[in-house]
């Protein structure tokens, strides 16, 4: 359940990416879609940066017993 909101942002980012790919560059919404995609990707990157140190601190190498 904790990953559900992050999963939603991930799916929205993919939708924004596809929408941007099919939107003409001269469309008035194109720059807004670029901004939305950039914000979404930055958010996901910051989440990943916060999670990675915790993940490596919690996991143990194979064969080691804690």
N, C-alpha and C. Protein backbone atom coordinates (compact mmCIF):
# COMPACT_ATOMS: atom_id res chain seq x y z
N UNK A 1 0.81 -1.21 0.00
CA UNK A 1 0.00 0.00 0.00
C UNK A 1 0.84 1.26 0.00
N UNK A 2 2.03 1.19 0.58
CA UNK A 2 2.88 2.37 0.63
C UNK A 2 3.41 2.77 -0.74
N UNK A 3 3.52 1.82 -1.65
CA UNK A 3 4.04 2.12 -2.98
C UNK A 3 2.97 2.61 -3.95
N UNK A 4 1.71 2.48 -3.56
CA UNK A 4 0.63 2.85 -4.48
C UNK A 4 0.69 4.31 -4.95
N UNK A 5 0.90 5.29 -4.07
CA UNK A 5 0.99 6.67 -4.56
C UNK A 5 2.19 6.89 -5.49
N UNK A 6 3.31 6.26 -5.19
CA UNK A 6 4.49 6.40 -6.04
C UNK A 6 4.24 5.73 -7.38
N UNK A 7 3.56 4.59 -7.36
CA UNK A 7 3.22 3.89 -8.59
C UNK A 7 2.33 4.76 -9.47
N UNK A 8 1.43 5.48 -8.85
CA UNK A 8 0.54 6.37 -9.59
C UNK A 8 1.34 7.48 -10.27
N UNK A 9 2.30 8.04 -9.58
CA UNK A 9 3.15 9.10 -10.17
C UNK A 9 3.99 8.51 -11.30
N UNK A 10 4.48 7.30 -11.12
CA UNK A 10 5.26 6.64 -12.16
C UNK A 10 4.42 6.44 -13.42
N UNK A 11 3.20 5.95 -13.25
CA UNK A 11 2.33 5.76 -14.40
C UNK A 11 1.97 7.08 -15.06
N UNK A 12 1.74 8.10 -14.26
CA UNK A 12 1.42 9.43 -14.82
C UNK A 12 2.61 9.98 -15.61
N UNK A 13 3.81 9.72 -15.13
CA UNK A 13 5.01 10.16 -15.84
C UNK A 13 5.10 9.48 -17.20
N UNK A 14 4.81 8.20 -17.24
CA UNK A 14 4.83 7.48 -18.52
C UNK A 14 3.77 8.01 -19.47
N UNK A 15 2.60 8.32 -18.95
CA UNK A 15 1.53 8.88 -19.78
C UNK A 15 1.95 10.25 -20.32
N UNK A 16 2.53 11.08 -19.46
CA UNK A 16 3.01 12.39 -19.91
C UNK A 16 4.06 12.25 -21.00
N UNK A 17 4.95 11.29 -20.84
CA UNK A 17 5.99 11.06 -21.84
C UNK A 17 5.37 10.68 -23.18
N UNK A 18 4.41 9.76 -23.17
CA UNK A 18 3.75 9.36 -24.41
C UNK A 18 2.95 10.51 -25.01
N UNK A 19 2.26 11.26 -24.18
CA UNK A 19 1.48 12.39 -24.65
C UNK A 19 2.39 13.44 -25.30
N UNK A 20 3.51 13.69 -24.70
CA UNK A 20 4.47 14.65 -25.24
C UNK A 20 5.02 14.17 -26.58
N UNK A 21 5.24 12.86 -26.68
CA UNK A 21 5.77 12.28 -27.91
C UNK A 21 4.79 12.49 -29.09
N UNK A 22 3.48 12.47 -28.79
CA UNK A 22 2.46 12.58 -29.84
C UNK A 22 1.89 13.99 -29.97
N UNK A 23 2.44 14.94 -29.25
CA UNK A 23 1.98 16.33 -29.34
C UNK A 23 2.93 17.10 -30.24
N UNK A 24 2.38 17.82 -31.21
CA UNK A 24 3.26 18.62 -32.08
C UNK A 24 4.01 19.69 -31.27
N UNK A 25 5.23 19.96 -31.66
CA UNK A 25 6.07 20.92 -30.93
C UNK A 25 5.50 22.33 -30.96
N UNK A 26 4.67 22.63 -31.97
CA UNK A 26 4.10 23.97 -32.04
C UNK A 26 2.75 24.10 -31.34
N UNK A 27 2.30 23.02 -30.71
CA UNK A 27 1.04 23.07 -29.95
C UNK A 27 1.22 23.93 -28.70
N UNK A 28 0.20 24.72 -28.34
CA UNK A 28 0.34 25.60 -27.16
C UNK A 28 0.58 24.86 -25.84
N UNK A 29 0.15 23.60 -25.76
CA UNK A 29 0.33 22.83 -24.53
C UNK A 29 1.68 22.14 -24.44
N UNK A 30 2.44 22.13 -25.51
CA UNK A 30 3.71 21.41 -25.53
C UNK A 30 4.68 21.85 -24.43
N UNK A 31 4.90 23.16 -24.24
CA UNK A 31 5.81 23.56 -23.15
C UNK A 31 5.28 23.19 -21.76
N UNK A 32 3.97 23.24 -21.61
CA UNK A 32 3.38 22.86 -20.31
C UNK A 32 3.56 21.37 -20.05
N UNK A 33 3.42 20.56 -21.09
CA UNK A 33 3.64 19.12 -20.94
C UNK A 33 5.10 18.83 -20.61
N UNK A 34 6.02 19.57 -21.23
CA UNK A 34 7.44 19.40 -20.91
C UNK A 34 7.72 19.73 -19.45
N UNK A 35 7.13 20.82 -18.97
CA UNK A 35 7.32 21.20 -17.56
C UNK A 35 6.74 20.15 -16.62
N UNK A 36 5.55 19.66 -16.94
CA UNK A 36 4.92 18.64 -16.10
C UNK A 36 5.76 17.37 -16.07
N UNK A 37 6.28 16.97 -17.22
CA UNK A 37 7.12 15.78 -17.28
C UNK A 37 8.41 15.99 -16.48
N UNK A 38 9.03 17.14 -16.62
CA UNK A 38 10.26 17.44 -15.88
C UNK A 38 10.02 17.41 -14.38
N UNK A 39 8.92 18.01 -13.93
CA UNK A 39 8.59 18.04 -12.50
C UNK A 39 8.35 16.62 -11.99
N UNK A 40 7.62 15.84 -12.76
CA UNK A 40 7.33 14.46 -12.36
C UNK A 40 8.60 13.63 -12.28
N UNK A 41 9.48 13.77 -13.27
CA UNK A 41 10.74 13.01 -13.27
C UNK A 41 11.65 13.45 -12.12
N UNK A 42 11.69 14.74 -11.83
CA UNK A 42 12.49 15.23 -10.71
C UNK A 42 11.97 14.69 -9.39
N UNK A 43 10.65 14.63 -9.26
CA UNK A 43 10.06 14.08 -8.03
C UNK A 43 10.45 12.62 -7.86
N UNK A 44 10.32 11.84 -8.93
CA UNK A 44 10.67 10.43 -8.85
C UNK A 44 12.16 10.24 -8.57
N UNK A 45 13.00 11.08 -9.15
CA UNK A 45 14.44 11.00 -8.89
C UNK A 45 14.75 11.29 -7.43
N UNK A 46 14.08 12.29 -6.87
CA UNK A 46 14.33 12.61 -5.46
C UNK A 46 13.86 11.48 -4.55
N UNK A 47 12.77 10.83 -4.90
CA UNK A 47 12.30 9.67 -4.12
C UNK A 47 13.33 8.55 -4.18
N UNK A 48 13.85 8.28 -5.38
CA UNK A 48 14.86 7.23 -5.54
C UNK A 48 16.12 7.54 -4.76
N UNK A 49 16.54 8.80 -4.75
CA UNK A 49 17.74 9.18 -4.00
C UNK A 49 17.53 8.99 -2.50
N UNK A 50 16.31 9.24 -2.03
CA UNK A 50 16.02 9.05 -0.61
C UNK A 50 15.95 7.58 -0.23
N UNK A 51 15.48 6.75 -1.13
CA UNK A 51 15.26 5.34 -0.82
C UNK A 51 16.55 4.53 -0.94
N UNK A 52 17.40 4.82 -1.90
CA UNK A 52 18.60 4.01 -2.15
C UNK A 52 19.50 3.84 -0.93
N UNK A 53 19.84 4.90 -0.19
CA UNK A 53 20.70 4.68 0.99
C UNK A 53 20.05 3.78 2.03
N UNK A 54 18.76 3.91 2.18
CA UNK A 54 18.06 3.06 3.16
C UNK A 54 18.05 1.61 2.70
N UNK A 55 17.86 1.41 1.40
CA UNK A 55 17.79 0.06 0.86
C UNK A 55 19.13 -0.65 1.05
N UNK A 56 20.24 0.03 0.80
CA UNK A 56 21.54 -0.62 0.97
C UNK A 56 21.87 -0.83 2.44
N UNK A 57 21.35 0.01 3.31
CA UNK A 57 21.60 -0.16 4.74
C UNK A 57 20.81 -1.34 5.29
N UNK A 58 19.67 -1.64 4.71
CA UNK A 58 18.80 -2.72 5.22
C UNK A 58 19.20 -4.07 4.64
N UNK A 59 19.62 -4.10 3.39
CA UNK A 59 19.94 -5.39 2.76
C UNK A 59 21.33 -5.85 3.18
N UNK A 60 21.50 -7.15 3.21
CA UNK A 60 22.80 -7.75 3.53
C UNK A 60 23.27 -8.52 2.31
N UNK A 61 24.56 -8.60 2.10
CA UNK A 61 25.08 -9.37 0.97
C UNK A 61 24.68 -10.84 1.04
N UNK A 62 24.58 -11.51 -0.11
CA UNK A 62 24.21 -12.91 -0.14
C UNK A 62 25.19 -13.73 0.66
N UNK A 63 24.67 -14.67 1.38
CA UNK A 63 25.52 -15.56 2.17
C UNK A 63 25.78 -15.07 3.58
N UNK A 64 25.56 -13.78 3.83
CA UNK A 64 25.78 -13.26 5.18
C UNK A 64 24.49 -13.37 5.97
N UNK A 65 24.62 -13.69 7.22
CA UNK A 65 23.47 -13.78 8.11
C UNK A 65 23.59 -12.65 9.10
N UNK A 66 22.47 -11.91 9.28
CA UNK A 66 22.53 -10.80 10.22
C UNK A 66 22.33 -11.25 11.63
